[in-house]
Amino acid sequence: MPTLYITEYSHLVETARGRAQIPATPPLASQTVTIAAGTAQSAAFNVKTRIIRIHADAAANVEVGTVNPVALDTSARFAAGQTEFQGVTPGEKLAVKTSAA
């Protein structure tokens, strides 16, 4: 089954020269959501989550929102194998569905 992988992080790595553009490990949480024709939601992000890593192993549309996000054909499109980092607000959720394009 096609899967969307979500990894949650609280902050960026601190170096002697300032913040690096990579999240500090270990992650706070990891979760998966099945990519299907209908929209499916993740669990709410951890109260400390500020950054998420999203990886889609199939083409998908993704929407992040506060209460009840719904992924639409017009939502952000991920290609199969795409990985992206996004800043989020704690408690938000992610919705995903198969991409029609």
PDB file of N, CA and C in Angstrom:
ATOM      1  N   MET A   1       0.818  -1.175   0.000  1.00  0.00           N
ATOM      2  CA  MET A   1       0.000   0.000   0.000  1.00  0.00           C
ATOM      3  C   MET A   1       0.870   1.249   0.000  1.00  0.00           C
ATOM      4  N   PRO A   2       0.520   2.232  -0.829  1.00  0.00           N
ATOM      5  CA  PRO A   2       1.305   3.479  -0.824  1.00  0.00           C
ATOM      6  C   PRO A   2       1.210   4.175   0.530  1.00  0.00           C
ATOM      7  N   THR A   3       2.324   4.735   0.955  1.00  0.00           N
ATOM      8  CA  THR A   3       2.393   5.303   2.304  1.00  0.00           C
ATOM      9  C   THR A   3       3.055   6.669   2.291  1.00  0.00           C
ATOM     10  N   LEU A   4       2.543   7.565   3.145  1.00  0.00           N
ATOM     11  CA  LEU A   4       3.171   8.847   3.410  1.00  0.00           C
ATOM     12  C   LEU A   4       3.804   8.750   4.788  1.00  0.00           C
ATOM     13  N   TYR A   5       5.080   9.077   4.873  1.00  0.00           N
ATOM     14  CA  TYR A   5       5.833   8.992   6.125  1.00  0.00           C
ATOM     15  C   TYR A   5       6.018  10.401   6.677  1.00  0.00           C
ATOM     16  N   ILE A   6       5.728  10.591   7.958  1.00  0.00           N
ATOM     17  CA  ILE A   6       5.864  11.889   8.617  1.00  0.00           C
ATOM     18  C   ILE A   6       6.801  11.725   9.813  1.00  0.00           C
ATOM     19  N   THR A   7       7.837  12.552   9.865  1.00  0.00           N
ATOM     20  CA  THR A   7       8.754  12.553  10.998  1.00  0.00           C
ATOM     21  C   THR A   7       8.701  13.950  11.602  1.00  0.00           C
ATOM     22  N   GLU A   8       8.541  14.026  12.920  1.00  0.00           N
ATOM     23  CA  GLU A   8       8.355  15.300  13.611  1.00  0.00           C
ATOM     24  C   GLU A   8       9.602  15.700  14.395  1.00  0.00           C
ATOM     25  N   TYR A   9       9.958  16.976  14.289  1.00  0.00           N
ATOM     26  CA  TYR A   9      11.135  17.515  14.975  1.00  0.00           C
ATOM     27  C   TYR A   9      10.760  18.801  15.715  1.00  0.00           C
ATOM     28  N   SER A  10      11.515  19.113  16.765  1.00  0.00           N
ATOM     29  CA  SER A  10      11.214  20.309  17.548  1.00  0.00           C
ATOM     30  C   SER A  10      12.024  21.539  17.148  1.00  0.00           C
ATOM     31  N   HIS A  11      13.259  21.344  16.658  1.00  0.00           N
ATOM     32  CA  HIS A  11      14.096  22.502  16.370  1.00  0.00           C
ATOM     33  C   HIS A  11      15.218  22.140  15.392  1.00  0.00           C
ATOM     34  N   LEU A  12      15.911  23.181  14.932  1.00  0.00           N
ATOM     35  CA  LEU A  12      17.053  23.002  14.039  1.00  0.00           C
ATOM     36  C   LEU A  12      18.319  22.777  14.853  1.00  0.00           C
ATOM     37  N   VAL A  13      19.321  22.200  14.223  1.00  0.00           N
ATOM     38  CA  VAL A  13      20.614  21.948  14.857  1.00  0.00           C
ATOM     39  C   VAL A  13      21.311  23.278  15.136  1.00  0.00           C
ATOM     40  N   GLU A  14      21.862  23.397  16.330  1.00  0.00           N
ATOM     41  CA  GLU A  14      22.659  24.572  16.700  1.00  0.00           C
ATOM     42  C   GLU A  14      24.137  24.252  16.487  1.00  0.00           C
ATOM     43  N   THR A  15      24.850  25.127  15.808  1.00  0.00           N
ATOM     44  CA  THR A  15      26.284  24.952  15.595  1.00  0.00           C
ATOM     45  C   THR A  15      27.020  26.176  16.133  1.00  0.00           C
ATOM     46  N   ALA A  16      28.330  26.144  16.079  1.00  0.00           N
ATOM     47  CA  ALA A  16      29.128  27.290  16.545  1.00  0.00           C
ATOM     48  C   ALA A  16      28.852  28.531  15.700  1.00  0.00           C
ATOM     49  N   ARG A  17      28.368  28.331  14.466  1.00  0.00           N
ATOM     50  CA  ARG A  17      28.087  29.458  13.561  1.00  0.00           C
ATOM     51  C   ARG A  17      26.607  29.816  13.498  1.00  0.00           C
ATOM     52  N   GLY A  18      25.796  29.196  14.337  1.00  0.00           N
ATOM     53  CA  GLY A  18      24.363  29.485  14.326  1.00  0.00           C
ATOM     54  C   GLY A  18      23.562  28.235  13.989  1.00  0.00           C
ATOM     55  N   ARG A  19      22.327  28.432  13.600  1.00  0.00           N
ATOM     56  CA  ARG A  19      21.455  27.311  13.261  1.00  0.00           C
ATOM     57  C   ARG A  19      21.761  26.762  11.883  1.00  0.00           C
ATOM     58  N   ALA A  20      21.844  25.447  11.808  1.00  0.00           N
ATOM     59  CA  ALA A  20      22.000  24.769  10.520  1.00  0.00           C
ATOM     60  C   ALA A  20      20.613  24.518   9.953  1.00  0.00           C
ATOM     61  N   GLN A  21      20.508  24.362   8.664  1.00  0.00           N
ATOM     62  CA  GLN A  21      19.211  24.152   8.033  1.00  0.00           C
ATOM     63  C   GLN A  21      18.846  22.673   7.998  1.00  0.00           C
ATOM     64  N   ILE A  22      19.010  22.015   9.136  1.00  0.00           N
ATOM     65  CA  ILE A  22      18.635  20.612   9.291  1.00  0.00           C
ATOM     66  C   ILE A  22      18.034  20.429  10.677  1.00  0.00           C
ATOM     67  N   PRO A  23      17.040  19.560  10.796  1.00  0.00           N
ATOM     68  CA  PRO A  23      16.435  19.360  12.115  1.00  0.00           C
ATOM     69  C   PRO A  23      17.332  18.556  13.031  1.00  0.00           C
ATOM     70  N   ALA A  24      17.226  18.849  14.314  1.00  0.00           N
ATOM     71  CA  ALA A  24      17.991  18.118  15.327  1.00  0.00           C
ATOM     72  C   ALA A  24      17.336  16.767  15.594  1.00  0.00           C
ATOM     73  N   THR A  25      18.153  15.726  15.689  1.00  0.00           N
ATOM     74  CA  THR A  25      17.648  14.401  15.998  1.00  0.00           C
ATOM     75  C   THR A  25      17.930  14.100  17.462  1.00  0.00           C
ATOM     76  N   PRO A  26      17.268  13.166  18.069  1.00  0.00           N
ATOM     77  CA  PRO A  26      16.291  12.264  17.481  1.00  0.00           C
ATOM     78  C   PRO A  26      14.954  12.983  17.260  1.00  0.00           C
ATOM     79  N   PRO A  27      14.121  12.425  16.366  1.00  0.00           N
ATOM     80  CA  PRO A  27      12.812  13.031  16.144  1.00  0.00           C
ATOM     81  C   PRO A  27      11.915  12.862  17.368  1.00  0.00           C
ATOM     82  N   LEU A  28      10.916  13.717  17.458  1.00  0.00           N
ATOM     83  CA  LEU A  28       9.931  13.622  18.539  1.00  0.00           C
ATOM     84  C   LEU A  28       8.971  12.451  18.314  1.00  0.00           C
ATOM     85  N   ALA A  29       8.601  12.250  17.063  1.00  0.00           N
ATOM     86  CA  ALA A  29       7.621  11.219  16.723  1.00  0.00           C
ATOM     87  C   ALA A  29       7.718  10.889  15.248  1.00  0.00           C
ATOM     88  N   SER A  30       7.206   9.730  14.897  1.00  0.00           N
ATOM     89  CA  SER A  30       7.092   9.308  13.493  1.00  0.00           C
ATOM     90  C   SER A  30       5.724   8.680  13.324  1.00  0.00           C
ATOM     91  N   GLN A  31       5.125   8.909  12.170  1.00  0.00           N
ATOM     92  CA  GLN A  31       3.845   8.279  11.874  1.00  0.00           C
ATOM     93  C   GLN A  31       3.718   8.058  10.382  1.00  0.00           C
ATOM     94  N   THR A  32       2.799   7.191  10.011  1.00  0.00           N
ATOM     95  CA  THR A  32       2.535   6.918   8.603  1.00  0.00           C
ATOM     96  C   THR A  32       1.046   7.074   8.347  1.00  0.00           C
ATOM     97  N   VAL A  33       0.721   7.447   7.100  1.00  0.00           N
ATOM     98  CA  VAL A  33      -0.664   7.553   6.665  1.00  0.00           C
ATOM     99  C   VAL A  33      -0.743   6.863   5.304  1.00  0.00           C
ATOM    100  N   THR A  34      -1.729   6.007   5.130  1.00  0.00           N
ATOM    101  CA  THR A  34      -1.914   5.323   3.855  1.00  0.00           C
ATOM    102  C   THR A  34      -2.422   6.311   2.816  1.00  0.00           C
ATOM    103  N   ILE A  35      -1.816   6.268   1.633  1.00  0.00           N
ATOM    104  CA  ILE A  35      -2.229   7.121   0.517  1.00  0.00           C
ATOM    105  C   ILE A  35      -3.285   6.357  -0.273  1.00  0.00           C
ATOM    106  N   ALA A  36      -4.491   6.915  -0.346  1.00  0.00           N
ATOM    107  CA  ALA A  36      -5.598   6.269  -1.048  1.00  0.00           C
ATOM    108  C   ALA A  36      -6.410   7.328  -1.797  1.00  0.00           C
ATOM    109  N   ALA A  37      -7.443   6.893  -2.499  1.00  0.00           N
ATOM    110  CA  ALA A  37      -8.264   7.802  -3.301  1.00  0.00           C
ATOM    111  C   ALA A  37      -8.970   8.844  -2.446  1.00  0.00           C
ATOM    112  N   GLY A  38      -9.418   8.466  -1.260  1.00  0.00           N
ATOM    113  CA  GLY A  38     -10.066   9.413  -0.362  1.00  0.00           C
ATOM    114  C   GLY A  38      -9.046  10.047   0.559  1.00  0.00           C
ATOM    115  N   THR A  39      -9.350  11.224   1.063  1.00  0.00           N
ATOM    116  CA  THR A  39      -8.431  11.904   1.967  1.00  0.00           C
ATOM    117  C   THR A  39      -8.338  11.168   3.303  1.00  0.00           C
ATOM    118  N   ALA A  40      -7.127  11.070   3.841  1.00  0.00           N
ATOM    119  CA  ALA A  40      -6.881  10.431   5.139  1.00  0.00           C
ATOM    120  C   ALA A  40      -6.012  11.369   5.963  1.00  0.00           C
ATOM    121  N   GLN A  41      -6.236  11.390   7.271  1.00  0.00           N
ATOM    122  CA  GLN A  41      -5.523  12.312   8.150  1.00  0.00           C
ATOM    123  C   GLN A  41      -4.515  11.607   9.037  1.00  0.00           C
ATOM    124  N   SER A  42      -3.469  12.352   9.363  1.00  0.00           N
ATOM    125  CA  SER A  42      -2.506  11.907  10.364  1.00  0.00           C
ATOM    126  C   SER A  42      -3.086  12.174  11.746  1.00  0.00           C
ATOM    127  N   ALA A  43      -2.386  11.714  12.757  1.00  0.00           N
ATOM    128  CA  ALA A  43      -2.679  12.127  14.121  1.00  0.00           C
ATOM    129  C   ALA A  43      -2.190  13.567  14.284  1.00  0.00           C
ATOM    130  N   ALA A  44      -2.672  14.255  15.300  1.00  0.00           N
ATOM    131  CA  ALA A  44      -2.204  15.613  15.578  1.00  0.00           C
ATOM    132  C   ALA A  44      -0.713  15.579  15.907  1.00  0.00           C
ATOM    133  N   PHE A  45       0.012  16.584  15.451  1.00  0.00           N
ATOM    134  CA  PHE A  45       1.440  16.657  15.720  1.00  0.00           C
ATOM    135  C   PHE A  45       1.689  16.893  17.211  1.00  0.00           C
ATOM    136  N   ASN A  46       2.848  16.455  17.678  1.00  0.00           N
ATOM    137  CA  ASN A  46       3.286  16.611  19.062  1.00  0.00           C
ATOM    138  C   ASN A  46       3.243  18.087  19.462  1.00  0.00           C
ATOM    139  N   VAL A  47       3.036  18.349  20.749  1.00  0.00           N
ATOM    140  CA  VAL A  47       2.966  19.728  21.244  1.00  0.00           C
ATOM    141  C   VAL A  47       4.286  20.488  21.088  1.00  0.00           C
ATOM    142  N   LYS A  48       5.384  19.787  20.829  1.00  0.00           N
ATOM    143  CA  LYS A  48       6.682  20.425  20.623  1.00  0.00           C
ATOM    144  C   LYS A  48       7.095  20.462  19.149  1.00  0.00           C
ATOM    145  N   THR A  49       6.312  19.865  18.270  1.00  0.00           N
ATOM    146  CA  THR A  49       6.675  19.777  16.851  1.00  0.00           C
ATOM    147  C   THR A  49       6.606  21.141  16.174  1.00  0.00           C
ATOM    148  N   ARG A  50       7.703  21.496  15.505  1.00  0.00           N
ATOM    149  CA  ARG A  50       7.791  22.734  14.731  1.00  0.00           C
ATOM    150  C   ARG A  50       8.189  22.460  13.280  1.00  0.00           C
ATOM    151  N   ILE A  51       8.775  21.290  13.038  1.00  0.00           N
ATOM    152  CA  ILE A  51       9.266  20.928  11.698  1.00  0.00           C
ATOM    153  C   ILE A  51       8.834  19.496  11.422  1.00  0.00           C
ATOM    154  N   ILE A  52       8.352  19.250  10.199  1.00  0.00           N
ATOM    155  CA  ILE A  52       8.060  17.870   9.810  1.00  0.00           C
ATOM    156  C   ILE A  52       8.810  17.527   8.532  1.00  0.00           C
ATOM    157  N   ARG A  53       9.176  16.267   8.444  1.00  0.00           N
ATOM    158  CA  ARG A  53       9.756  15.702   7.221  1.00  0.00           C
ATOM    159  C   ARG A  53       8.663  14.833   6.629  1.00  0.00           C
ATOM    160  N   ILE A  54       8.319  15.100   5.372  1.00  0.00           N
ATOM    161  CA  ILE A  54       7.273  14.344   4.678  1.00  0.00           C
ATOM    162  C   ILE A  54       7.933  13.578   3.542  1.00  0.00           C
ATOM    163  N   HIS A  55       7.648  12.275   3.463  1.00  0.00           N
ATOM    164  CA  HIS A  55       8.138  11.462   2.344  1.00  0.00           C
ATOM    165  C   HIS A  55       6.968  10.659   1.796  1.00  0.00           C
ATOM    166  N   ALA A  56       6.725  10.787   0.499  1.00  0.00           N
ATOM    167  CA  ALA A  56       5.656  10.052  -0.173  1.00  0.00           C
ATOM    168  C   ALA A  56       6.274   8.977  -1.047  1.00  0.00           C
ATOM    169  N   ASP A  57       5.826   7.729  -0.899  1.00  0.00           N
ATOM    170  CA  ASP A  57       6.368   6.690  -1.781  1.00  0.00           C
ATOM    171  C   ASP A  57       5.484   6.474  -3.015  1.00  0.00           C
ATOM    172  N   ALA A  58       4.457   7.333  -3.174  1.00  0.00           N
ATOM    173  CA  ALA A  58       3.613   7.348  -4.371  1.00  0.00           C
ATOM    174  C   ALA A  58       3.157   8.792  -4.578  1.00  0.00           C
ATOM    175  N   ALA A  59       2.718   9.142  -5.787  1.00  0.00           N
ATOM    176  CA  ALA A  59       2.232  10.493  -6.053  1.00  0.00           C
ATOM    177  C   ALA A  59       1.045  10.792  -5.143  1.00  0.00           C
ATOM    178  N   ALA A  60       1.075  11.973  -4.506  1.00  0.00           N
ATOM    179  CA  ALA A  60       0.031  12.305  -3.532  1.00  0.00           C
ATOM    180  C   ALA A  60      -0.181  13.811  -3.454  1.00  0.00           C
ATOM    181  N   ASN A  61      -1.369  14.198  -2.981  1.00  0.00           N
ATOM    182  CA  ASN A  61      -1.666  15.580  -2.642  1.00  0.00           C
ATOM    183  C   ASN A  61      -1.709  15.675  -1.123  1.00  0.00           C
ATOM    184  N   VAL A  62      -1.105  16.744  -0.586  1.00  0.00           N
ATOM    185  CA  VAL A  62      -0.942  16.887   0.864  1.00  0.00           C
ATOM    186  C   VAL A  62      -1.444  18.258   1.305  1.00  0.00           C
ATOM    187  N   GLU A  63      -2.159  18.275   2.419  1.00  0.00           N
ATOM    188  CA  GLU A  63      -2.661  19.520   3.011  1.00  0.00           C
ATOM    189  C   GLU A  63      -2.419  19.471   4.516  1.00  0.00           C
ATOM    190  N   VAL A  64      -1.877  20.552   5.081  1.00  0.00           N
ATOM    191  CA  VAL A  64      -1.674  20.648   6.531  1.00  0.00           C
ATOM    192  C   VAL A  64      -2.669  21.667   7.067  1.00  0.00           C
ATOM    193  N   GLY A  65      -3.308  21.351   8.197  1.00  0.00           N
ATOM    194  CA  GLY A  65      -4.280  22.267   8.770  1.00  0.00           C
ATOM    195  C   GLY A  65      -4.509  22.001  10.236  1.00  0.00           C
ATOM    196  N   THR A  66      -5.318  22.853  10.858  1.00  0.00           N
ATOM    197  CA  THR A  66      -5.497  22.787  12.297  1.00  0.00           C
ATOM    198  C   THR A  66      -6.556  21.798  12.756  1.00  0.00           C
ATOM    199  N   VAL A  67      -7.750  21.886  12.283  1.00  0.00           N
ATOM    200  CA  VAL A  67      -8.829  21.082  12.850  1.00  0.00           C
ATOM    201  C   VAL A  67      -9.086  19.821  12.046  1.00  0.00           C
ATOM    202  N   ASN A  68      -9.445  19.954  10.800  1.00  0.00           N
ATOM    203  CA  ASN A  68      -9.857  18.819   9.994  1.00  0.00           C
ATOM    204  C   ASN A  68      -9.396  19.023   8.550  1.00  0.00           C
ATOM    205  N   PRO A  69      -8.093  18.981   8.288  1.00  0.00           N
ATOM    206  CA  PRO A  69      -7.623  19.252   6.929  1.00  0.00           C
ATOM    207  C   PRO A  69      -8.120  18.190   5.942  1.00  0.00           C
ATOM    208  N   VAL A  70      -8.330  18.625   4.708  1.00  0.00           N
ATOM    209  CA  VAL A  70      -8.765  17.736   3.639  1.00  0.00           C
ATOM    210  C   VAL A  70      -7.823  17.940   2.464  1.00  0.00           C
ATOM    211  N   ALA A  71      -7.247  16.858   1.965  1.00  0.00           N
ATOM    212  CA  ALA A  71      -6.380  16.934   0.793  1.00  0.00           C
ATOM    213  C   ALA A  71      -7.254  16.953  -0.460  1.00  0.00           C
ATOM    214  N   LEU A  72      -6.994  17.910  -1.339  1.00  0.00           N
ATOM    215  CA  LEU A  72      -7.738  18.069  -2.579  1.00  0.00           C
ATOM    216  C   LEU A  72      -6.796  17.934  -3.771  1.00  0.00           C
ATOM    217  N   ASP A  73      -7.353  17.867  -4.963  1.00  0.00           N
ATOM    218  CA  ASP A  73      -6.514  17.818  -6.168  1.00  0.00           C
ATOM    219  C   ASP A  73      -5.674  19.084  -6.306  1.00  0.00           C
ATOM    220  N   THR A  74      -6.101  20.177  -5.690  1.00  0.00           N
ATOM    221  CA  THR A  74      -5.370  21.447  -5.753  1.00  0.00           C
ATOM    222  C   THR A  74      -4.362  21.610  -4.607  1.00  0.00           C
ATOM    223  N   SER A  75      -4.318  20.654  -3.676  1.00  0.00           N
ATOM    224  CA  SER A  75      -3.348  20.704  -2.569  1.00  0.00           C
ATOM    225  C   SER A  75      -1.944  20.432  -3.096  1.00  0.00           C
ATOM    226  N   ALA A  76      -0.939  20.722  -2.281  1.00  0.00           N
ATOM    227  CA  ALA A  76       0.461  20.519  -2.678  1.00  0.00           C
ATOM    228  C   ALA A  76       0.661  19.098  -3.196  1.00  0.00           C
ATOM    229  N   ARG A  77       1.321  18.982  -4.347  1.00  0.00           N
ATOM    230  CA  ARG A  77       1.532  17.667  -4.956  1.00  0.00           C
ATOM    231  C   ARG A  77       2.925  17.163  -4.647  1.00  0.00           C
ATOM    232  N   PHE A  78       3.008  15.910  -4.248  1.00  0.00           N
ATOM    233  CA  PHE A  78       4.267  15.219  -4.031  1.00  0.00           C
ATOM    234  C   PHE A  78       4.408  14.151  -5.099  1.00  0.00           C
ATOM    235  N   ALA A  79       5.563  14.089  -5.720  1.00  0.00           N
ATOM    236  CA  ALA A  79       5.856  13.017  -6.668  1.00  0.00           C
ATOM    237  C   ALA A  79       6.257  11.769  -5.891  1.00  0.00           C
ATOM    238  N   ALA A  80       6.123  10.626  -6.506  1.00  0.00           N
ATOM    239  CA  ALA A  80       6.572   9.382  -5.862  1.00  0.00           C
ATOM    240  C   ALA A  80       8.051   9.518  -5.522  1.00  0.00           C
ATOM    241  N   GLY A  81       8.414   9.242  -4.290  1.00  0.00           N
ATOM    242  CA  GLY A  81       9.799   9.329  -3.843  1.00  0.00           C
ATOM    243  C   GLY A  81      10.227  10.706  -3.368  1.00  0.00           C
ATOM    244  N   GLN A  82       9.337  11.680  -3.365  1.00  0.00           N
ATOM    245  CA  GLN A  82       9.688  13.042  -2.946  1.00  0.00           C
ATOM    246  C   GLN A  82       9.740  13.155  -1.432  1.00  0.00           C
ATOM    247  N   THR A  83      10.710  13.923  -0.943  1.00  0.00           N
ATOM    248  CA  THR A  83      10.842  14.225   0.476  1.00  0.00           C
ATOM    249  C   THR A  83      10.938  15.735   0.631  1.00  0.00           C
ATOM    250  N   GLU A  84      10.258  16.266   1.650  1.00  0.00           N
ATOM    251  CA  GLU A  84      10.245  17.708   1.875  1.00  0.00           C
ATOM    252  C   GLU A  84      10.151  17.987   3.376  1.00  0.00           C
ATOM    253  N   PHE A  85      10.763  19.069   3.803  1.00  0.00           N
ATOM    254  CA  PHE A  85      10.640  19.536   5.177  1.00  0.00           C
ATOM    255  C   PHE A  85       9.697  20.732   5.179  1.00  0.00           C
ATOM    256  N   GLN A  86       8.849  20.827   6.207  1.00  0.00           N
ATOM    257  CA  GLN A  86       7.934  21.955   6.325  1.00  0.00           C
ATOM    258  C   GLN A  86       7.852  22.394   7.782  1.00  0.00           C
ATOM    259  N   GLY A  87       7.679  23.690   7.973  1.00  0.00           N
ATOM    260  CA  GLY A  87       7.435  24.213   9.305  1.00  0.00           C
ATOM    261  C   GLY A  87       5.948  24.104   9.606  1.00  0.00           C
ATOM    262  N   VAL A  88       5.609  23.711  10.829  1.00  0.00           N
ATOM    263  CA  VAL A  88       4.208  23.531  11.214  1.00  0.00           C
ATOM    264  C   VAL A  88       3.970  24.097  12.609  1.00  0.00           C
ATOM    265  N   THR A  89       2.712  24.127  12.982  1.00  0.00           N
ATOM    266  CA  THR A  89       2.298  24.539  14.315  1.00  0.00           C
ATOM    267  C   THR A  89       1.937  23.292  15.115  1.00  0.00           C
ATOM    268  N   PRO A  90       2.366  23.184  16.362  1.00  0.00           N
ATOM    269  CA  PRO A  90       2.005  22.011  17.160  1.00  0.00           C
ATOM    270  C   PRO A  90       0.494  21.770  17.140  1.00  0.00           C
ATOM    271  N   GLY A  91       0.103  20.509  17.097  1.00  0.00           N
ATOM    272  CA  GLY A  91      -1.303  20.149  17.112  1.00  0.00           C
ATOM    273  C   GLY A  91      -1.958  20.091  15.744  1.00  0.00           C
ATOM    274  N   GLU A  92      -1.291  20.636  14.721  1.00  0.00           N
ATOM    275  CA  GLU A  92      -1.851  20.530  13.375  1.00  0.00           C
ATOM    276  C   GLU A  92      -1.868  19.071  12.935  1.00  0.00           C
ATOM    277  N   LYS A  93      -2.571  18.811  11.850  1.00  0.00           N
ATOM    278  CA  LYS A  93      -2.631  17.488  11.243  1.00  0.00           C
ATOM    279  C   LYS A  93      -2.292  17.607   9.765  1.00  0.00           C
ATOM    280  N   LEU A  94      -2.015  16.476   9.156  1.00  0.00           N
ATOM    281  CA  LEU A  94      -1.728  16.431   7.729  1.00  0.00           C
ATOM    282  C   LEU A  94      -2.757  15.505   7.087  1.00  0.00           C
ATOM    283  N   ALA A  95      -3.297  15.925   5.948  1.00  0.00           N
ATOM    284  CA  ALA A  95      -4.213  15.081   5.181  1.00  0.00           C
ATOM    285  C   ALA A  95      -3.541  14.740   3.860  1.00  0.00           C
ATOM    286  N   VAL A  96      -3.801  13.522   3.365  1.00  0.00           N
ATOM    287  CA  VAL A  96      -3.180  13.066   2.128  1.00  0.00           C
ATOM    288  C   VAL A  96      -4.182  12.263   1.309  1.00  0.00           C
ATOM    289  N   LYS A  97      -4.013  12.312  -0.010  1.00  0.00           N
ATOM    290  CA  LYS A  97      -4.792  11.486  -0.927  1.00  0.00           C
ATOM    291  C   LYS A  97      -3.966  11.220  -2.177  1.00  0.00           C
ATOM    292  N   THR A  98      -4.365  10.219  -2.922  1.00  0.00           N
ATOM    293  CA  THR A  98      -3.692   9.897  -4.170  1.00  0.00           C
ATOM    294  C   THR A  98      -3.799  11.091  -5.117  1.00  0.00           C
ATOM    295  N   SER A  99      -2.714  11.396  -5.816  1.00  0.00           N
ATOM    296  CA  SER A  99      -2.735  12.501  -6.769  1.00  0.00           C
ATOM    297  C   SER A  99      -3.328  12.032  -8.078  1.00  0.00           C
ATOM    298  N   ALA A 100      -4.234  12.846  -8.623  1.00  0.00           N
ATOM    299  CA  ALA A 100      -4.867  12.525  -9.891  1.00  0.00           C
ATOM    300  C   ALA A 100      -3.953  12.844 -11.073  1.00  0.00           C
ATOM    301  N   ALA A 101      -2.981  13.716 -10.850  1.00  0.00           N
ATOM    302  CA  ALA A 101      -2.088  14.128 -11.954  1.00  0.00           C
ATOM    303  C   ALA A 101      -0.960  13.152 -12.159  1.00  0.00           C
TER     304      ALA A 101
END
